[in-house]
PDB file of N, CA and C in Angstrom:
ATOM      1  N   SER A   1     149.675  67.250  74.993  1.00  0.00           N
ATOM      2  CA  SER A   1     150.029  68.524  75.583  1.00  0.00           C
ATOM      3  C   SER A   1     151.199  69.220  74.854  1.00  0.00           C
ATOM      4  N   ASP A   2     151.160  70.422  75.046  1.00  0.00           N
ATOM      5  CA  ASP A   2     152.382  71.163  74.485  1.00  0.00           C
ATOM      6  C   ASP A   2     153.484  71.525  75.492  1.00  0.00           C
ATOM      7  N   GLY A   3     153.448  70.920  76.724  1.00  0.00           N
ATOM      8  CA  GLY A   3     154.369  71.142  77.792  1.00  0.00           C
ATOM      9  C   GLY A   3     155.915  70.636  77.464  1.00  0.00           C
ATOM     10  N   VAL A   4     156.715  71.139  78.166  1.00  0.00           N
ATOM     11  CA  VAL A   4     158.212  70.896  77.999  1.00  0.00           C
ATOM     12  C   VAL A   4     158.490  69.582  78.551  1.00  0.00           C
ATOM     13  N   ASP A   5     159.189  68.650  77.931  1.00  0.00           N
ATOM     14  CA  ASP A   5     159.718  67.495  78.683  1.00  0.00           C
ATOM     15  C   ASP A   5     161.086  67.247  78.506  1.00  0.00           C
ATOM     16  N   ASP A   6     161.747  68.165  77.935  1.00  0.00           N
ATOM     17  CA  ASP A   6     163.214  68.132  77.746  1.00  0.00           C
ATOM     18  C   ASP A   6     163.880  69.103  78.819  1.00  0.00           C
ATOM     19  N   MET A   7     164.778  68.744  79.792  1.00  0.00           N
ATOM     20  CA  MET A   7     165.234  69.782  80.853  1.00  0.00           C
ATOM     21  C   MET A   7     166.027  70.907  80.152  1.00  0.00           C
ATOM     22  N   ALA A   8     166.667  70.664  78.876  1.00  0.00           N
ATOM     23  CA  ALA A   8     167.311  71.655  78.173  1.00  0.00           C
ATOM     24  C   ALA A   8     166.498  72.824  77.687  1.00  0.00           C
ATOM     25  N   GLN A   9     165.037  72.568  77.765  1.00  0.00           N
ATOM     26  CA  GLN A   9     164.210  73.512  77.057  1.00  0.00           C
ATOM     27  C   GLN A   9     163.280  74.037  78.231  1.00  0.00           C
ATOM     28  N   GLY A  10     163.398  73.467  79.370  1.00  0.00           N
ATOM     29  CA  GLY A  10     162.334  74.027  80.431  1.00  0.00           C
ATOM     30  C   GLY A  10     163.195  74.784  81.621  1.00  0.00           C
ATOM     31  N   ILE A  11     162.485  74.928  82.644  1.00  0.00           N
ATOM     32  CA  ILE A  11     163.296  75.503  83.972  1.00  0.00           C
ATOM     33  C   ILE A  11     162.964  74.576  85.123  1.00  0.00           C
ATOM     34  N   LEU A  12     163.974  74.263  85.647  1.00  0.00           N
ATOM     35  CA  LEU A  12     163.967  73.392  87.035  1.00  0.00           C
ATOM     36  C   LEU A  12     163.719  74.146  88.135  1.00  0.00           C
ATOM     37  N   ILE A  13     162.762  74.078  89.026  1.00  0.00           N
ATOM     38  CA  ILE A  13     162.496  74.623  90.294  1.00  0.00           C
ATOM     39  C   ILE A  13     162.849  73.819  91.410  1.00  0.00           C
ATOM     40  N   VAL A  14     163.860  74.201  92.428  1.00  0.00           N
ATOM     41  CA  VAL A  14     164.302  73.445  93.352  1.00  0.00           C
ATOM     42  C   VAL A  14     163.305  73.579  94.514  1.00  0.00           C
ATOM     43  N   VAL A  15     162.746  72.406  95.103  1.00  0.00           N
ATOM     44  CA  VAL A  15     161.828  72.442  96.109  1.00  0.00           C
ATOM     45  C   VAL A  15     162.336  71.511  97.259  1.00  0.00           C
ATOM     46  N   GLU A  16     162.084  71.801  98.575  1.00  0.00           N
ATOM     47  CA  GLU A  16     162.499  71.048  99.614  1.00  0.00           C
ATOM     48  C   GLU A  16     161.335  70.697 100.404  1.00  0.00           C
ATOM     49  N   VAL A  17     161.303  69.232 100.724  1.00  0.00           N
ATOM     50  CA  VAL A  17     160.312  68.719 101.422  1.00  0.00           C
ATOM     51  C   VAL A  17     161.013  67.785 102.496  1.00  0.00           C
ATOM     52  N   ASP A  18     160.692  68.033 103.854  1.00  0.00           N
ATOM     53  CA  ASP A  18     161.325  67.314 104.866  1.00  0.00           C
ATOM     54  C   ASP A  18     162.863  67.159 104.778  1.00  0.00           C
ATOM     55  N   GLY A  19     163.476  68.079 104.354  1.00  0.00           N
ATOM     56  CA  GLY A  19     164.968  68.246 104.253  1.00  0.00           C
ATOM     57  C   GLY A  19     165.450  67.617 102.915  1.00  0.00           C
ATOM     58  N   GLN A  20     164.610  67.120 102.053  1.00  0.00           N
ATOM     59  CA  GLN A  20     165.119  66.475 100.988  1.00  0.00           C
ATOM     60  C   GLN A  20     164.715  67.370  99.755  1.00  0.00           C
ATOM     61  N   ARG A  21     165.769  67.559  98.978  1.00  0.00           N
ATOM     62  CA  ARG A  21     165.467  68.674  97.781  1.00  0.00           C
ATOM     63  C   ARG A  21     165.222  67.733  96.553  1.00  0.00           C
ATOM     64  N   SER A  22     164.355  68.300  95.782  1.00  0.00           N
ATOM     65  CA  SER A  22     163.857  67.784  94.380  1.00  0.00           C
ATOM     66  C   SER A  22     163.800  68.798  93.440  1.00  0.00           C
ATOM     67  N   CYS A  23     163.554  68.485  92.202  1.00  0.00           N
ATOM     68  CA  CYS A  23     163.311  69.416  91.284  1.00  0.00           C
ATOM     69  C   CYS A  23     161.938  69.467  90.413  1.00  0.00           C
ATOM     70  N   LEU A  24     161.356  70.476  90.131  1.00  0.00           N
ATOM     71  CA  LEU A  24     160.031  70.287  89.296  1.00  0.00           C
ATOM     72  C   LEU A  24     160.557  70.939  88.028  1.00  0.00           C
ATOM     73  N   LEU A  25     160.205  70.321  86.960  1.00  0.00           N
ATOM     74  CA  LEU A  25     160.361  70.846  85.508  1.00  0.00           C
ATOM     75  C   LEU A  25     159.191  71.660  85.155  1.00  0.00           C
ATOM     76  N   VAL A  26     159.265  72.906  84.770  1.00  0.00           N
ATOM     77  CA  VAL A  26     158.174  73.842  84.493  1.00  0.00           C
ATOM     78  C   VAL A  26     158.569  74.535  82.981  1.00  0.00           C
ATOM     79  N   ASP A  27     157.447  74.800  82.339  1.00  0.00           N
ATOM     80  CA  ASP A  27     157.627  75.543  81.009  1.00  0.00           C
ATOM     81  C   ASP A  27     158.108  76.893  81.183  1.00  0.00           C
ATOM     82  N   GLU A  28     157.540  77.578  82.178  1.00  0.00           N
ATOM     83  CA  GLU A  28     157.944  79.032  82.432  1.00  0.00           C
ATOM     84  C   GLU A  28     157.397  79.492  83.707  1.00  0.00           C
ATOM     85  N   ILE A  29     158.064  80.588  84.288  1.00  0.00           N
ATOM     86  CA  ILE A  29     157.673  81.099  85.477  1.00  0.00           C
ATOM     87  C   ILE A  29     156.997  82.386  85.197  1.00  0.00           C
ATOM     88  N   LEU A  30     155.641  82.533  85.671  1.00  0.00           N
ATOM     89  CA  LEU A  30     154.845  83.679  85.279  1.00  0.00           C
ATOM     90  C   LEU A  30     155.096  84.814  86.278  1.00  0.00           C
ATOM     91  N   GLY A  31     155.738  84.477  87.260  1.00  0.00           N
ATOM     92  CA  GLY A  31     155.862  85.699  88.318  1.00  0.00           C
ATOM     93  C   GLY A  31     155.676  85.160  89.765  1.00  0.00           C
ATOM     94  N   GLN A  32     155.772  85.998  90.590  1.00  0.00           N
ATOM     95  CA  GLN A  32     155.600  85.691  92.199  1.00  0.00           C
ATOM     96  C   GLN A  32     154.575  86.575  92.755  1.00  0.00           C
ATOM     97  N   GLN A  33     153.658  85.990  93.510  1.00  0.00           N
ATOM     98  CA  GLN A  33     152.600  86.757  94.104  1.00  0.00           C
ATOM     99  C   GLN A  33     152.205  86.048  95.406  1.00  0.00           C
ATOM    100  N   GLN A  34     152.005  87.129  96.433  1.00  0.00           N
ATOM    101  CA  GLN A  34     151.638  86.529  97.764  1.00  0.00           C
ATOM    102  C   GLN A  34     149.973  86.360  97.570  1.00  0.00           C
ATOM    103  N   VAL A  35     149.358  85.249  97.913  1.00  0.00           N
ATOM    104  CA  VAL A  35     148.147  84.970  97.947  1.00  0.00           C
ATOM    105  C   VAL A  35     147.596  84.435  99.182  1.00  0.00           C
ATOM    106  N   VAL A  36     146.294  84.280  99.387  1.00  0.00           N
ATOM    107  CA  VAL A  36     145.565  83.611 100.461  1.00  0.00           C
ATOM    108  C   VAL A  36     144.934  82.323  99.917  1.00  0.00           C
ATOM    109  N   ILE A  37     145.344  81.303 100.391  1.00  0.00           N
ATOM    110  CA  ILE A  37     145.087  79.897  99.979  1.00  0.00           C
ATOM    111  C   ILE A  37     143.566  79.584 100.577  1.00  0.00           C
ATOM    112  N   LYS A  38     142.702  79.122  99.635  1.00  0.00           N
ATOM    113  CA  LYS A  38     141.400  78.608 100.094  1.00  0.00           C
ATOM    114  C   LYS A  38     141.319  77.162  99.837  1.00  0.00           C
ATOM    115  N   SER A  39     140.744  76.387 100.757  1.00  0.00           N
ATOM    116  CA  SER A  39     140.613  75.016 100.517  1.00  0.00           C
ATOM    117  C   SER A  39     139.670  74.733  99.240  1.00  0.00           C
ATOM    118  N   LEU A  40     139.808  73.675  98.510  1.00  0.00           N
ATOM    119  CA  LEU A  40     138.948  73.418  97.408  1.00  0.00           C
ATOM    120  C   LEU A  40     137.619  72.787  97.899  1.00  0.00           C
ATOM    121  N   GLY A  41     137.592  72.383  99.073  1.00  0.00           N
ATOM    122  CA  GLY A  41     136.321  71.826  99.631  1.00  0.00           C
ATOM    123  C   GLY A  41     135.986  70.376  98.924  1.00  0.00           C
ATOM    124  N   MET A  42     137.046  69.720  98.528  1.00  0.00           N
ATOM    125  CA  MET A  42     136.764  68.353  97.820  1.00  0.00           C
ATOM    126  C   MET A  42     137.510  67.282  98.581  1.00  0.00           C
ATOM    127  N   SER A  43     137.111  66.069  98.550  1.00  0.00           N
ATOM    128  CA  SER A  43     137.866  64.974  99.107  1.00  0.00           C
ATOM    129  C   SER A  43     139.301  64.987  98.652  1.00  0.00           C
ATOM    130  N   ARG A  44     140.285  64.689  99.713  1.00  0.00           N
ATOM    131  CA  ARG A  44     141.667  64.622  99.351  1.00  0.00           C
ATOM    132  C   ARG A  44     142.214  63.840  98.232  1.00  0.00           C
ATOM    133  N   ASP A  45     141.430  62.730  98.036  1.00  0.00           N
ATOM    134  CA  ASP A  45     141.700  61.720  97.064  1.00  0.00           C
ATOM    135  C   ASP A  45     141.623  62.266  95.611  1.00  0.00           C
ATOM    136  N   ARG A  46     140.642  63.110  95.548  1.00  0.00           N
ATOM    137  CA  ARG A  46     140.325  63.817  94.155  1.00  0.00           C
ATOM    138  C   ARG A  46     141.078  64.890  93.870  1.00  0.00           C
ATOM    139  N   THR A  47     141.866  65.344  94.884  1.00  0.00           N
ATOM    140  CA  THR A  47     142.601  66.489  94.570  1.00  0.00           C
ATOM    141  C   THR A  47     144.163  66.181  95.092  1.00  0.00           C
ATOM    142  N   ALA A  48     144.670  65.039  94.769  1.00  0.00           N
ATOM    143  CA  ALA A  48     145.999  64.714  95.186  1.00  0.00           C
ATOM    144  C   ALA A  48     146.880  65.575  94.368  1.00  0.00           C
ATOM    145  N   GLY A  49     147.923  66.117  95.022  1.00  0.00           N
ATOM    146  CA  GLY A  49     148.793  67.073  94.379  1.00  0.00           C
ATOM    147  C   GLY A  49     148.541  68.519  94.582  1.00  0.00           C
ATOM    148  N   LEU A  50     147.166  68.776  94.954  1.00  0.00           N
ATOM    149  CA  LEU A  50     146.694  70.248  95.078  1.00  0.00           C
ATOM    150  C   LEU A  50     146.370  70.343  96.611  1.00  0.00           C
ATOM    151  N   SER A  51     146.871  71.678  96.873  1.00  0.00           N
ATOM    152  CA  SER A  51     146.648  72.041  98.407  1.00  0.00           C
ATOM    153  C   SER A  51     145.477  72.964  98.601  1.00  0.00           C
ATOM    154  N   GLY A  52     144.985  73.585  97.544  1.00  0.00           N
ATOM    155  CA  GLY A  52     143.970  74.591  97.539  1.00  0.00           C
ATOM    156  C   GLY A  52     144.082  75.474  96.300  1.00  0.00           C
ATOM    157  N   GLY A  53     143.341  76.557  96.357  1.00  0.00           N
ATOM    158  CA  GLY A  53     143.245  77.634  95.258  1.00  0.00           C
ATOM    159  C   GLY A  53     143.267  79.009  95.816  1.00  0.00           C
ATOM    160  N   ALA A  54     143.496  79.966  94.792  1.00  0.00           N
ATOM    161  CA  ALA A  54     143.594  81.305  95.293  1.00  0.00           C
ATOM    162  C   ALA A  54     142.884  82.108  94.011  1.00  0.00           C
ATOM    163  N   ILE A  55     142.168  83.108  94.455  1.00  0.00           N
ATOM    164  CA  ILE A  55     141.593  83.991  93.405  1.00  0.00           C
ATOM    165  C   ILE A  55     142.557  85.103  93.086  1.00  0.00           C
ATOM    166  N   MET A  56     142.984  85.196  91.923  1.00  0.00           N
ATOM    167  CA  MET A  56     144.036  86.210  91.641  1.00  0.00           C
ATOM    168  C   MET A  56     143.209  87.709  91.398  1.00  0.00           C
ATOM    169  N   THR A  57     144.101  88.655  91.252  1.00  0.00           N
ATOM    170  CA  THR A  57     143.536  90.053  91.256  1.00  0.00           C
ATOM    171  C   THR A  57     142.637  90.328  89.847  1.00  0.00           C
ATOM    172  N   ASP A  58     142.864  89.460  89.014  1.00  0.00           N
ATOM    173  CA  ASP A  58     142.139  89.651  87.674  1.00  0.00           C
ATOM    174  C   ASP A  58     140.884  88.619  87.717  1.00  0.00           C
ATOM    175  N   GLY A  59     140.546  87.980  88.796  1.00  0.00           N
ATOM    176  CA  GLY A  59     139.544  87.159  88.967  1.00  0.00           C
ATOM    177  C   GLY A  59     139.679  85.585  88.603  1.00  0.00           C
ATOM    178  N   ARG A  60     140.958  85.252  88.016  1.00  0.00           N
ATOM    179  CA  ARG A  60     141.179  83.948  87.652  1.00  0.00           C
ATOM    180  C   ARG A  60     141.605  83.180  88.840  1.00  0.00           C
ATOM    181  N   VAL A  61     141.195  81.952  88.850  1.00  0.00           N
ATOM    182  CA  VAL A  61     141.588  80.990  89.932  1.00  0.00           C
ATOM    183  C   VAL A  61     143.037  80.339  89.630  1.00  0.00           C
ATOM    184  N   ALA A  62     143.850  80.384  90.660  1.00  0.00           N
ATOM    185  CA  ALA A  62     145.158  79.682  90.437  1.00  0.00           C
ATOM    186  C   ALA A  62     145.059  78.455  91.396  1.00  0.00           C
ATOM    187  N   LEU A  63     145.485  77.284  91.000  1.00  0.00           N
ATOM    188  CA  LEU A  63     145.638  76.050  91.926  1.00  0.00           C
ATOM    189  C   LEU A  63     146.898  76.092  92.519  1.00  0.00           C
ATOM    190  N   ILE A  64     146.911  75.752  93.776  1.00  0.00           N
ATOM    191  CA  ILE A  64     148.197  75.620  94.582  1.00  0.00           C
ATOM    192  C   ILE A  64     148.609  74.180  94.704  1.00  0.00           C
ATOM    193  N   LEU A  65     149.909  74.071  94.224  1.00  0.00           N
ATOM    194  CA  LEU A  65     150.345  72.527  94.304  1.00  0.00           C
ATOM    195  C   LEU A  65     150.746  72.235  95.648  1.00  0.00           C
ATOM    196  N   ASP A  66     150.503  70.994  96.016  1.00  0.00           N
ATOM    197  CA  ASP A  66     150.927  70.347  97.226  1.00  0.00           C
ATOM    198  C   ASP A  66     152.307  69.692  96.894  1.00  0.00           C
ATOM    199  N   VAL A  67     153.362  70.374  97.100  1.00  0.00           N
ATOM    200  CA  VAL A  67     154.659  69.806  96.639  1.00  0.00           C
ATOM    201  C   VAL A  67     155.193  68.562  97.407  1.00  0.00           C
ATOM    202  N   GLY A  68     154.664  68.389  98.618  1.00  0.00           N
ATOM    203  CA  GLY A  68     154.981  67.118  99.392  1.00  0.00           C
ATOM    204  C   GLY A  68     154.298  66.034  98.746  1.00  0.00           C
ATOM    205  N   THR A  69     153.188  66.175  98.454  1.00  0.00           N
ATOM    206  CA  THR A  69     152.479  64.921  97.690  1.00  0.00           C
ATOM    207  C   THR A  69     152.982  64.756  96.388  1.00  0.00           C
ATOM    208  N   LEU A  70     153.382  65.685  95.575  1.00  0.00           N
ATOM    209  CA  LEU A  70     153.888  65.455  94.275  1.00  0.00           C
ATOM    210  C   LEU A  70     155.278  64.766  94.225  1.00  0.00           C
ATOM    211  N   VAL A  71     156.150  65.200  95.286  1.00  0.00           N
ATOM    212  CA  VAL A  71     157.537  64.535  95.427  1.00  0.00           C
ATOM    213  C   VAL A  71     157.355  63.110  95.903  1.00  0.00           C
ATOM    214  N   GLU A  72     156.433  62.814  96.814  1.00  0.00           N
ATOM    215  CA  GLU A  72     156.153  61.620  97.357  1.00  0.00           C
ATOM    216  C   GLU A  72     155.594  60.598  96.140  1.00  0.00           C
ATOM    217  N   SER A  73     154.700  61.022  95.307  1.00  0.00           N
ATOM    218  CA  SER A  73     154.317  60.242  94.358  1.00  0.00           C
ATOM    219  C   SER A  73     155.248  59.987  93.149  1.00  0.00           C
ATOM    220  N   ALA A  74     156.102  61.058  92.970  1.00  0.00           N
ATOM    221  CA  ALA A  74     157.145  60.755  92.068  1.00  0.00           C
ATOM    222  C   ALA A  74     158.369  59.675  92.543  1.00  0.00           C
ATOM    223  N   LEU A  75     158.686  59.748  93.851  1.00  0.00           N
ATOM    224  CA  LEU A  75     159.485  58.843  94.412  1.00  0.00           C
ATOM    225  C   LEU A  75     158.984  57.469  94.519  1.00  0.00           C
ATOM    226  N   SER A  76     157.684  57.402  94.623  1.00  0.00           N
ATOM    227  CA  SER A  76     157.126  56.021  94.813  1.00  0.00           C
ATOM    228  C   SER A  76     156.785  55.289  93.497  1.00  0.00           C
ATOM    229  N   SER A  77     156.914  55.850  92.380  1.00  0.00           N
ATOM    230  CA  SER A  77     156.626  55.341  91.075  1.00  0.00           C
ATOM    231  C   SER A  77     157.746  54.692  90.413  1.00  0.00           C
TER     232      SER A  77
END
């Protein structure tokens, strides 16, 4: 993968789950948009870390992260 794994080269996004702050390291921020989230219709086990999807104005599908599950998974490993 070509993703960033060095904090000096990426962007840290601060998230808060149940009053506890954590950071997500990302390559870039593409923008901000209000969307309607649709369920993926798949079992929860197969989509751990995702809460749903949204159809963007250009027709692409964006996956919505389940920040709580991601943070819980990172803390338990």
